[in-house]
Amino acid sequence: MLSIFLIPGDLVCNWAGIPASSDHRMILRSFINTMVWSGVAIAAALWISL
């Protein structure tokens, strides 16, 4: 179940060709996941409040 939340970052890292053992992959994956899920949370909060 938890791997669902990592999918956006993994897709971007795979697309960029960053190897799985790289520290850069972990940083980029964390950044992308934060951006995607923050956007989802903000959109949900705005939809609920309006």
N, C-alpha and C. Protein backbone atom coordinates (compact mmCIF):
# COMPACT_ATOMS: atom_id res chain seq x y z
N MET A 1 0.82 -1.20 0.00
CA MET A 1 0.00 0.00 0.00
C MET A 1 0.86 1.26 0.00
N LEU A 2 1.94 1.23 0.76
CA LEU A 2 2.78 2.40 0.86
C LEU A 2 3.50 2.71 -0.45
N SER A 3 3.75 1.71 -1.26
CA SER A 3 4.46 1.94 -2.52
C SER A 3 3.63 2.78 -3.50
N ILE A 4 2.32 2.85 -3.29
CA ILE A 4 1.47 3.68 -4.14
C ILE A 4 1.87 5.14 -4.04
N PHE A 5 2.27 5.57 -2.85
CA PHE A 5 2.65 6.96 -2.64
C PHE A 5 4.00 7.30 -3.27
N LEU A 6 4.79 6.31 -3.62
CA LEU A 6 6.10 6.54 -4.21
C LEU A 6 6.08 6.50 -5.74
N ILE A 7 4.96 6.15 -6.31
CA ILE A 7 4.88 5.96 -7.77
C ILE A 7 5.24 7.22 -8.56
N PRO A 8 4.74 8.42 -8.22
CA PRO A 8 5.11 9.59 -9.04
C PRO A 8 6.61 9.84 -9.08
N GLY A 9 7.28 9.75 -7.96
CA GLY A 9 8.72 9.96 -7.92
C GLY A 9 9.49 8.88 -8.66
N ASP A 10 9.04 7.64 -8.52
CA ASP A 10 9.70 6.55 -9.23
C ASP A 10 9.55 6.69 -10.74
N LEU A 11 8.38 7.10 -11.19
CA LEU A 11 8.17 7.28 -12.64
C LEU A 11 9.09 8.35 -13.20
N VAL A 12 9.24 9.46 -12.49
CA VAL A 12 10.11 10.55 -12.95
C VAL A 12 11.57 10.09 -12.95
N CYS A 13 11.98 9.40 -11.90
CA CYS A 13 13.37 8.92 -11.83
C CYS A 13 13.66 7.90 -12.92
N ASN A 14 12.73 7.01 -13.19
CA ASN A 14 12.91 6.04 -14.28
C ASN A 14 12.98 6.76 -15.62
N TRP A 15 12.13 7.75 -15.82
CA TRP A 15 12.13 8.52 -17.06
C TRP A 15 13.45 9.25 -17.25
N ALA A 16 14.01 9.77 -16.15
CA ALA A 16 15.28 10.50 -16.22
C ALA A 16 16.48 9.56 -16.32
N GLY A 17 16.29 8.29 -16.08
CA GLY A 17 17.37 7.32 -16.20
C GLY A 17 18.33 7.32 -15.02
N ILE A 18 17.86 7.71 -13.86
CA ILE A 18 18.71 7.74 -12.67
C ILE A 18 18.75 6.33 -12.07
N PRO A 19 19.95 5.80 -11.83
CA PRO A 19 20.06 4.43 -11.30
C PRO A 19 19.45 4.29 -9.90
N ALA A 20 18.97 3.11 -9.58
CA ALA A 20 18.27 2.87 -8.32
C ALA A 20 19.17 3.04 -7.10
N SER A 21 20.45 2.85 -7.25
CA SER A 21 21.36 2.93 -6.11
C SER A 21 21.88 4.35 -5.85
N SER A 22 21.48 5.30 -6.65
CA SER A 22 22.00 6.66 -6.55
C SER A 22 21.31 7.45 -5.44
N ASP A 23 22.10 8.27 -4.73
CA ASP A 23 21.51 9.17 -3.74
C ASP A 23 20.68 10.26 -4.41
N HIS A 24 21.06 10.62 -5.63
CA HIS A 24 20.30 11.63 -6.37
C HIS A 24 18.88 11.16 -6.64
N ARG A 25 18.72 9.86 -6.86
CA ARG A 25 17.38 9.31 -7.10
C ARG A 25 16.50 9.49 -5.87
N MET A 26 17.07 9.23 -4.69
CA MET A 26 16.29 9.38 -3.46
C MET A 26 15.86 10.82 -3.24
N ILE A 27 16.76 11.76 -3.52
CA ILE A 27 16.45 13.18 -3.34
C ILE A 27 15.39 13.62 -4.34
N LEU A 28 15.57 13.27 -5.61
CA LEU A 28 14.60 13.66 -6.64
C LEU A 28 13.25 13.01 -6.38
N ARG A 29 13.26 11.74 -5.99
CA ARG A 29 12.01 11.04 -5.72
C ARG A 29 11.26 11.69 -4.56
N SER A 30 11.98 12.07 -3.53
CA SER A 30 11.35 12.74 -2.38
C SER A 30 10.77 14.08 -2.80
N PHE A 31 11.51 14.84 -3.61
CA PHE A 31 11.03 16.14 -4.06
C PHE A 31 9.77 16.01 -4.91
N ILE A 32 9.79 15.11 -5.87
CA ILE A 32 8.63 14.93 -6.77
C ILE A 32 7.41 14.45 -5.97
N ASN A 33 7.62 13.49 -5.08
CA ASN A 33 6.50 13.00 -4.28
C ASN A 33 5.93 14.10 -3.40
N THR A 34 6.78 14.93 -2.82
CA THR A 34 6.30 16.04 -2.00
C THR A 34 5.48 17.01 -2.83
N MET A 35 5.94 17.33 -4.01
CA MET A 35 5.23 18.27 -4.87
C MET A 35 3.88 17.70 -5.31
N VAL A 36 3.86 16.46 -5.74
CA VAL A 36 2.62 15.84 -6.23
C VAL A 36 1.60 15.71 -5.11
N TRP A 37 2.00 15.13 -3.97
CA TRP A 37 1.03 14.88 -2.91
C TRP A 37 0.63 16.15 -2.18
N SER A 38 1.50 17.17 -2.18
CA SER A 38 1.09 18.47 -1.63
C SER A 38 0.03 19.10 -2.52
N GLY A 39 0.23 18.99 -3.82
CA GLY A 39 -0.77 19.51 -4.75
C GLY A 39 -2.11 18.81 -4.61
N VAL A 40 -2.08 17.51 -4.42
CA VAL A 40 -3.32 16.75 -4.23
C VAL A 40 -4.00 17.18 -2.93
N ALA A 41 -3.22 17.34 -1.87
CA ALA A 41 -3.80 17.74 -0.57
C ALA A 41 -4.37 19.14 -0.63
N ILE A 42 -3.68 20.06 -1.30
CA ILE A 42 -4.18 21.43 -1.43
C ILE A 42 -5.46 21.46 -2.27
N ALA A 43 -5.47 20.72 -3.36
CA ALA A 43 -6.67 20.66 -4.20
C ALA A 43 -7.85 20.07 -3.43
N ALA A 44 -7.60 19.03 -2.65
CA ALA A 44 -8.67 18.42 -1.85
C ALA A 44 -9.18 19.39 -0.79
N ALA A 45 -8.27 20.11 -0.15
CA ALA A 45 -8.67 21.07 0.88
C ALA A 45 -9.49 22.22 0.28
N LEU A 46 -9.09 22.69 -0.88
CA LEU A 46 -9.85 23.75 -1.55
C LEU A 46 -11.21 23.24 -1.99
N TRP A 47 -11.28 22.02 -2.50
CA TRP A 47 -12.56 21.46 -2.95
C TRP A 47 -13.51 21.29 -1.76
N ILE A 48 -12.97 20.85 -0.64
CA ILE A 48 -13.81 20.65 0.55
C ILE A 48 -14.29 22.00 1.11
N SER A 49 -13.40 23.00 1.10
CA SER A 49 -13.76 24.29 1.69
C SER A 49 -14.69 25.12 0.80
N LEU A 50 -14.71 24.84 -0.48
CA LEU A 50 -15.60 25.61 -1.37
C LEU A 50 -16.85 24.84 -1.54
